[in-house]
Amino acid sequence: MLVVGLGSGCASDTPKSAAAEGTPTSSASDSASPPSVPIDADGDGHLPPSDCNDTDGTIHPEAMEVCNEKDDNCDGEIDEGVLLTFYADADADRYGDPGAPVEACAAPDGTVADQTDCNDDDPEIHPDALDLCNRVDDDCDGEVDEDGEEPLYADTDGDGFGDDGVRSTGCPSDGWTLDSGDCDDTDPSANPADEDGDGLLTCDGDCD
């Protein structure tokens, strides 16, 4: 009779662990939360941090900068290259002082877009004014009294009254006056003035 002996080399009946069998096991790192992903909250196609305002879909790195006191294109500057220039209008004649510019998106109070006023302290002086005979450049063209052509009368005796027979046009100057009616332009005491207030004129024979 053949007897088969059980030796120490026989397989053990002890069950093997899952690790020993090669089965994957979970670890602490496998159970950690996945990293957060940036969200495009305003739906403009740009994510923070390049999108400097993710609550406004008009603000992102590819936006065009407009004059609105905002950094539209997220470059760290506000309204660069799009500000408008206005000029102080101290005399309120609608013509601005070229020496007093102001940059803004809209005209601040007391400013205008024009910059052609040559005297911002006098509302009667501006490019559209009539250049009068006043030795002032009323219309800001660099010339004085060029439009102030008026009838002039020679005033040889300097009494302020001119000879009707000697006329010219222009602005009053030495030897010329706007007033006519001098009956004797060689005698300053003979003129149409009633200097003593008696109703008689020296030209009419008032000798007192």
C-alpha atoms as a PDB file:
ATOM      1  CA  MET A   1       0.000   0.000   0.000  1.00  0.00           C
ATOM      2  CA  LEU A   2       1.330   3.381  -1.015  1.00  0.00           C
ATOM      3  CA  VAL A   3       1.265   5.983   1.669  1.00  0.00           C
ATOM      4  CA  VAL A   4       1.657   9.631   0.636  1.00  0.00           C
ATOM      5  CA  GLY A   5       3.029  11.821   3.366  1.00  0.00           C
ATOM      6  CA  LEU A   6       2.107  15.480   3.936  1.00  0.00           C
ATOM      7  CA  GLY A   7       5.276  17.523   4.131  1.00  0.00           C
ATOM      8  CA  SER A   8       6.072  21.093   5.077  1.00  0.00           C
ATOM      9  CA  GLY A   9       6.114  22.113   1.398  1.00  0.00           C
ATOM     10  CA  CYS A  10       2.386  21.905   1.033  1.00  0.00           C
ATOM     11  CA  ALA A  11       0.408  25.061   0.337  1.00  0.00           C
ATOM     12  CA  SER A  12      -0.876  26.898   3.402  1.00  0.00           C
ATOM     13  CA  ASP A  13      -4.554  27.303   3.924  1.00  0.00           C
ATOM     14  CA  THR A  14      -3.997  30.867   5.337  1.00  0.00           C
ATOM     15  CA  PRO A  15      -5.664  33.443   3.042  1.00  0.00           C
ATOM     16  CA  LYS A  16      -3.378  36.025   1.453  1.00  0.00           C
ATOM     17  CA  SER A  17      -3.919  39.785   1.835  1.00  0.00           C
ATOM     18  CA  ALA A  18      -5.206  41.907  -1.023  1.00  0.00           C
ATOM     19  CA  ALA A  19      -1.865  43.649  -1.150  1.00  0.00           C
ATOM     20  CA  ALA A  20      -0.093  40.368  -1.496  1.00  0.00           C
ATOM     21  CA  GLU A  21      -2.408  39.410  -4.337  1.00  0.00           C
ATOM     22  CA  GLY A  22      -1.561  42.687  -6.158  1.00  0.00           C
ATOM     23  CA  THR A  23      -4.986  44.318  -5.691  1.00  0.00           C
ATOM     24  CA  PRO A  24      -4.748  48.179  -5.618  1.00  0.00           C
ATOM     25  CA  THR A  25      -5.481  49.711  -2.273  1.00  0.00           C
ATOM     26  CA  SER A  26      -6.705  53.241  -1.460  1.00  0.00           C
ATOM     27  CA  SER A  27      -4.389  55.805   0.166  1.00  0.00           C
ATOM     28  CA  ALA A  28      -4.790  59.186   1.871  1.00  0.00           C
ATOM     29  CA  SER A  29      -3.671  60.990  -1.284  1.00  0.00           C
ATOM     30  CA  ASP A  30      -6.346  59.229  -3.353  1.00  0.00           C
ATOM     31  CA  SER A  31      -9.111  60.635  -1.144  1.00  0.00           C
ATOM     32  CA  ALA A  32      -7.942  64.365  -1.275  1.00  0.00           C
ATOM     33  CA  SER A  33     -10.127  66.977  -3.103  1.00  0.00           C
ATOM     34  CA  PRO A  34      -9.060  67.883  -6.652  1.00  0.00           C
ATOM     35  CA  PRO A  35      -7.398  71.315  -7.099  1.00  0.00           C
ATOM     36  CA  SER A  36      -9.819  74.216  -7.688  1.00  0.00           C
ATOM     37  CA  VAL A  37     -10.264  75.399 -11.267  1.00  0.00           C
ATOM     38  CA  PRO A  38     -10.693  79.161 -12.006  1.00  0.00           C
ATOM     39  CA  ILE A  39     -14.207  80.072 -13.053  1.00  0.00           C
ATOM     40  CA  ASP A  40     -15.120  82.632 -15.720  1.00  0.00           C
ATOM     41  CA  ALA A  41     -17.845  84.277 -13.662  1.00  0.00           C
ATOM     42  CA  ASP A  42     -18.719  86.998 -16.175  1.00  0.00           C
ATOM     43  CA  GLY A  43     -18.578  84.725 -19.236  1.00  0.00           C
ATOM     44  CA  ASP A  44     -16.229  86.961 -21.212  1.00  0.00           C
ATOM     45  CA  GLY A  45     -13.829  84.129 -22.061  1.00  0.00           C
ATOM     46  CA  HIS A  46     -11.083  85.354 -19.742  1.00  0.00           C
ATOM     47  CA  LEU A  47     -10.153  83.912 -16.363  1.00  0.00           C
ATOM     48  CA  PRO A  48      -8.678  85.562 -13.290  1.00  0.00           C
ATOM     49  CA  PRO A  49      -6.097  86.780 -12.616  1.00  0.00           C
ATOM     50  CA  SER A  50      -5.611  88.053 -16.180  1.00  0.00           C
ATOM     51  CA  ASP A  51      -9.225  89.198 -16.042  1.00  0.00           C
ATOM     52  CA  CYS A  52      -8.940  92.002 -13.495  1.00  0.00           C
ATOM     53  CA  ASN A  53     -12.706  92.248 -12.993  1.00  0.00           C
ATOM     54  CA  ASP A  54     -14.496  88.942 -13.425  1.00  0.00           C
ATOM     55  CA  THR A  55     -17.848  90.484 -12.540  1.00  0.00           C
ATOM     56  CA  ASP A  56     -17.951  92.697 -15.652  1.00  0.00           C
ATOM     57  CA  GLY A  57     -17.936  91.053 -19.058  1.00  0.00           C
ATOM     58  CA  THR A  58     -16.771  94.252 -20.773  1.00  0.00           C
ATOM     59  CA  ILE A  59     -13.520  94.307 -18.803  1.00  0.00           C
ATOM     60  CA  HIS A  60     -10.774  91.885 -19.831  1.00  0.00           C
ATOM     61  CA  PRO A  61      -7.257  91.953 -21.354  1.00  0.00           C
ATOM     62  CA  GLU A  62      -8.530  92.120 -24.944  1.00  0.00           C
ATOM     63  CA  ALA A  63     -11.084  94.874 -24.353  1.00  0.00           C
ATOM     64  CA  MET A  64     -10.721  98.265 -26.008  1.00  0.00           C
ATOM     65  CA  GLU A  65      -9.943 101.078 -23.591  1.00  0.00           C
ATOM     66  CA  VAL A  66     -12.717 103.659 -23.586  1.00  0.00           C
ATOM     67  CA  CYS A  67     -13.095 106.905 -21.658  1.00  0.00           C
ATOM     68  CA  ASN A  68     -15.122 105.770 -18.643  1.00  0.00           C
ATOM     69  CA  GLU A  69     -12.780 106.070 -15.643  1.00  0.00           C
ATOM     70  CA  LYS A  70     -12.213 102.266 -15.683  1.00  0.00           C
ATOM     71  CA  ASP A  71      -9.265 100.027 -16.567  1.00  0.00           C
ATOM     72  CA  ASP A  72     -11.076  98.272 -19.420  1.00  0.00           C
ATOM     73  CA  ASN A  73      -8.114  96.252 -20.725  1.00  0.00           C
ATOM     74  CA  CYS A  74      -6.581  95.258 -17.376  1.00  0.00           C
ATOM     75  CA  ASP A  75      -3.216  96.891 -18.050  1.00  0.00           C
ATOM     76  CA  GLY A  76      -3.154  98.800 -14.778  1.00  0.00           C
ATOM     77  CA  GLU A  77      -3.946 102.167 -16.380  1.00  0.00           C
ATOM     78  CA  ILE A  78      -7.231 104.035 -16.624  1.00  0.00           C
ATOM     79  CA  ASP A  79      -8.410 105.793 -19.811  1.00  0.00           C
ATOM     80  CA  GLU A  80      -4.901 105.880 -21.271  1.00  0.00           C
ATOM     81  CA  GLY A  81      -4.834 107.334 -24.772  1.00  0.00           C
ATOM     82  CA  VAL A  82      -8.558 108.115 -24.873  1.00  0.00           C
ATOM     83  CA  LEU A  83      -8.917 111.158 -22.610  1.00  0.00           C
ATOM     84  CA  LEU A  84     -10.288 114.296 -24.261  1.00  0.00           C
ATOM     85  CA  THR A  85      -8.746 117.747 -23.834  1.00  0.00           C
ATOM     86  CA  PHE A  86     -10.812 120.737 -22.749  1.00  0.00           C
ATOM     87  CA  TYR A  87      -9.802 124.320 -22.008  1.00  0.00           C
ATOM     88  CA  ALA A  88     -10.733 126.760 -19.259  1.00  0.00           C
ATOM     89  CA  ASP A  89     -13.323 129.372 -20.259  1.00  0.00           C
ATOM     90  CA  ALA A  90     -13.076 131.887 -17.420  1.00  0.00           C
ATOM     91  CA  ASP A  91     -15.058 134.623 -19.174  1.00  0.00           C
ATOM     92  CA  ALA A  92     -17.835 132.233 -20.318  1.00  0.00           C
ATOM     93  CA  ASP A  93     -17.711 133.382 -23.951  1.00  0.00           C
ATOM     94  CA  ARG A  94     -17.518 129.760 -25.211  1.00  0.00           C
ATOM     95  CA  TYR A  95     -13.902 130.197 -26.317  1.00  0.00           C
ATOM     96  CA  GLY A  96     -11.198 128.472 -24.277  1.00  0.00           C
ATOM     97  CA  ASP A  97      -7.767 129.495 -23.045  1.00  0.00           C
ATOM     98  CA  PRO A  98      -5.091 127.460 -24.893  1.00  0.00           C
ATOM     99  CA  GLY A  99      -2.815 127.852 -21.884  1.00  0.00           C
ATOM    100  CA  ALA A 100      -5.211 126.103 -19.500  1.00  0.00           C
ATOM    101  CA  PRO A 101      -5.891 122.552 -20.786  1.00  0.00           C
ATOM    102  CA  VAL A 102      -7.783 119.918 -18.776  1.00  0.00           C
ATOM    103  CA  GLU A 103      -7.977 116.190 -19.664  1.00  0.00           C
ATOM    104  CA  ALA A 104     -11.236 114.389 -18.927  1.00  0.00           C
ATOM    105  CA  CYS A 105     -13.876 112.111 -20.441  1.00  0.00           C
ATOM    106  CA  ALA A 106     -16.436 114.937 -20.522  1.00  0.00           C
ATOM    107  CA  ALA A 107     -16.105 118.701 -20.258  1.00  0.00           C
ATOM    108  CA  PRO A 108     -15.798 119.774 -16.596  1.00  0.00           C
ATOM    109  CA  ASP A 109     -17.729 122.856 -15.515  1.00  0.00           C
ATOM    110  CA  GLY A 110     -16.079 126.034 -16.774  1.00  0.00           C
ATOM    111  CA  THR A 111     -14.326 124.373 -19.713  1.00  0.00           C
ATOM    112  CA  VAL A 112     -14.945 124.061 -23.449  1.00  0.00           C
ATOM    113  CA  ALA A 113     -13.425 122.115 -26.328  1.00  0.00           C
ATOM    114  CA  ASP A 114     -12.347 125.335 -28.079  1.00  0.00           C
ATOM    115  CA  GLN A 115      -8.849 126.755 -27.507  1.00  0.00           C
ATOM    116  CA  THR A 116      -8.805 129.981 -29.524  1.00  0.00           C
ATOM    117  CA  ASP A 117      -9.477 132.726 -26.956  1.00  0.00           C
ATOM    118  CA  CYS A 118      -6.619 135.234 -26.775  1.00  0.00           C
ATOM    119  CA  ASN A 119      -8.019 136.970 -23.676  1.00  0.00           C
ATOM    120  CA  ASP A 120     -10.010 134.737 -21.353  1.00  0.00           C
ATOM    121  CA  ASP A 121     -10.723 137.617 -18.971  1.00  0.00           C
ATOM    122  CA  ASP A 122     -12.859 139.607 -21.434  1.00  0.00           C
ATOM    123  CA  PRO A 123     -15.976 138.029 -23.005  1.00  0.00           C
ATOM    124  CA  GLU A 124     -15.969 140.703 -25.724  1.00  0.00           C
ATOM    125  CA  ILE A 125     -12.651 139.415 -27.059  1.00  0.00           C
ATOM    126  CA  HIS A 126     -12.728 136.161 -29.041  1.00  0.00           C
ATOM    127  CA  PRO A 127     -12.193 134.965 -32.644  1.00  0.00           C
ATOM    128  CA  ASP A 128     -15.727 135.839 -33.764  1.00  0.00           C
ATOM    129  CA  ALA A 129     -15.761 139.357 -32.326  1.00  0.00           C
ATOM    130  CA  LEU A 130     -15.796 142.479 -34.499  1.00  0.00           C
ATOM    131  CA  ASP A 131     -12.452 144.249 -34.362  1.00  0.00           C
ATOM    132  CA  LEU A 132     -13.393 147.742 -33.214  1.00  0.00           C
ATOM    133  CA  CYS A 133     -11.407 150.956 -33.228  1.00  0.00           C
ATOM    134  CA  ASN A 134     -10.078 150.559 -29.709  1.00  0.00           C
ATOM    135  CA  ARG A 135      -6.419 149.631 -30.150  1.00  0.00           C
ATOM    136  CA  VAL A 136      -7.268 146.097 -28.988  1.00  0.00           C
ATOM    137  CA  ASP A 137      -7.094 142.820 -30.934  1.00  0.00           C
ATOM    138  CA  ASP A 138     -10.775 142.028 -30.429  1.00  0.00           C
ATOM    139  CA  ASP A 139     -10.908 139.048 -32.806  1.00  0.00           C
ATOM    140  CA  CYS A 140      -7.672 137.300 -31.757  1.00  0.00           C
ATOM    141  CA  ASP A 141      -6.100 137.381 -35.236  1.00  0.00           C
ATOM    142  CA  GLY A 142      -2.902 139.121 -34.175  1.00  0.00           C
ATOM    143  CA  GLU A 143      -3.905 142.453 -35.741  1.00  0.00           C
ATOM    144  CA  VAL A 144      -5.386 145.545 -34.140  1.00  0.00           C
ATOM    145  CA  ASP A 145      -8.366 147.538 -35.418  1.00  0.00           C
ATOM    146  CA  GLU A 146      -8.238 146.117 -38.956  1.00  0.00           C
ATOM    147  CA  ASP A 147     -12.035 145.952 -39.175  1.00  0.00           C
ATOM    148  CA  GLY A 148     -12.700 149.280 -37.481  1.00  0.00           C
ATOM    149  CA  GLU A 149     -13.044 151.445 -40.577  1.00  0.00           C
ATOM    150  CA  GLU A 150     -14.888 154.600 -39.554  1.00  0.00           C
ATOM    151  CA  PRO A 151     -15.206 158.044 -41.152  1.00  0.00           C
ATOM    152  CA  LEU A 152     -12.507 160.368 -39.850  1.00  0.00           C
ATOM    153  CA  TYR A 153     -12.068 164.120 -40.046  1.00  0.00           C
ATOM    154  CA  ALA A 154      -8.818 166.061 -39.922  1.00  0.00           C
ATOM    155  CA  ASP A 155      -8.346 167.847 -36.600  1.00  0.00           C
ATOM    156  CA  THR A 156      -5.488 170.242 -37.231  1.00  0.00           C
ATOM    157  CA  ASP A 157      -6.019 172.403 -34.153  1.00  0.00           C
ATOM    158  CA  GLY A 158      -6.458 169.439 -31.798  1.00  0.00           C
ATOM    159  CA  ASP A 159      -9.758 170.560 -30.294  1.00  0.00           C
ATOM    160  CA  GLY A 160     -11.422 167.197 -30.890  1.00  0.00           C
ATOM    161  CA  PHE A 161     -13.530 168.411 -33.809  1.00  0.00           C
ATOM    162  CA  GLY A 162     -12.629 167.831 -37.435  1.00  0.00           C
ATOM    163  CA  ASP A 163     -12.867 169.659 -40.721  1.00  0.00           C
ATOM    164  CA  ASP A 164     -15.758 168.329 -42.809  1.00  0.00           C
ATOM    165  CA  GLY A 165     -13.749 169.001 -45.926  1.00  0.00           C
ATOM    166  CA  VAL A 166     -10.816 166.756 -45.020  1.00  0.00           C
ATOM    167  CA  ARG A 167     -11.961 163.191 -44.597  1.00  0.00           C
ATOM    168  CA  SER A 168     -10.547 159.677 -44.370  1.00  0.00           C
ATOM    169  CA  THR A 169     -11.500 156.271 -43.013  1.00  0.00           C
ATOM    170  CA  GLY A 170      -9.889 154.188 -40.316  1.00  0.00           C
ATOM    171  CA  CYS A 171      -9.501 154.466 -36.568  1.00  0.00           C
ATOM    172  CA  PRO A 172      -8.961 157.740 -34.711  1.00  0.00           C
ATOM    173  CA  SER A 173      -5.333 158.723 -34.312  1.00  0.00           C
ATOM    174  CA  ASP A 174      -3.345 161.885 -33.776  1.00  0.00           C
ATOM    175  CA  GLY A 175      -4.629 164.595 -36.123  1.00  0.00           C
ATOM    176  CA  TRP A 176      -7.907 162.799 -36.847  1.00  0.00           C
ATOM    177  CA  THR A 177     -11.236 162.590 -35.046  1.00  0.00           C
ATOM    178  CA  LEU A 178     -14.632 160.959 -35.380  1.00  0.00           C
ATOM    179  CA  ASP A 179     -16.413 164.263 -34.718  1.00  0.00           C
ATOM    180  CA  SER A 180     -16.919 166.776 -37.503  1.00  0.00           C
ATOM    181  CA  GLY A 181     -18.334 170.305 -37.565  1.00  0.00           C
ATOM    182  CA  ASP A 182     -15.244 172.396 -36.800  1.00  0.00           C
ATOM    183  CA  CYS A 183     -15.880 175.826 -38.321  1.00  0.00           C
ATOM    184  CA  ASP A 184     -12.218 176.832 -38.034  1.00  0.00           C
ATOM    185  CA  ASP A 185      -9.736 173.991 -37.790  1.00  0.00           C
ATOM    186  CA  THR A 186      -6.880 176.388 -37.221  1.00  0.00           C
ATOM    187  CA  ASP A 187      -8.385 177.815 -34.020  1.00  0.00           C
ATOM    188  CA  PRO A 188      -8.954 175.387 -31.118  1.00  0.00           C
ATOM    189  CA  SER A 189     -11.305 177.850 -29.444  1.00  0.00           C
ATOM    190  CA  ALA A 190     -13.691 177.797 -32.398  1.00  0.00           C
ATOM    191  CA  ASN A 191     -15.679 174.552 -32.487  1.00  0.00           C
ATOM    192  CA  PRO A 192     -19.205 173.158 -31.987  1.00  0.00           C
ATOM    193  CA  ALA A 193     -18.759 172.719 -28.226  1.00  0.00           C
ATOM    194  CA  ASP A 194     -20.901 174.758 -25.839  1.00  0.00           C
ATOM    195  CA  GLU A 195     -18.275 174.927 -23.144  1.00  0.00           C
ATOM    196  CA  ASP A 196     -20.002 177.556 -20.999  1.00  0.00           C
ATOM    197  CA  GLY A 197     -23.424 175.940 -21.248  1.00  0.00           C
ATOM    198  CA  ASP A 198     -25.248 179.040 -22.455  1.00  0.00           C
ATOM    199  CA  GLY A 199     -26.662 177.328 -25.521  1.00  0.00           C
ATOM    200  CA  LEU A 200     -24.393 179.261 -27.876  1.00  0.00           C
ATOM    201  CA  LEU A 201     -21.487 177.734 -29.785  1.00  0.00           C
ATOM    202  CA  THR A 202     -18.201 179.398 -30.543  1.00  0.00           C
ATOM    203  CA  CYS A 203     -18.834 178.602 -34.169  1.00  0.00           C
ATOM    204  CA  ASP A 204     -21.966 180.700 -33.891  1.00  0.00           C
ATOM    205  CA  GLY A 205     -20.144 183.695 -32.437  1.00  0.00           C
ATOM    206  CA  ASP A 206     -20.270 182.898 -28.716  1.00  0.00           C
ATOM    207  CA  CYS A 207     -17.283 184.934 -27.516  1.00  0.00           C
ATOM    208  CA  ASP A 208     -17.734 184.590 -23.759  1.00  0.00           C
END
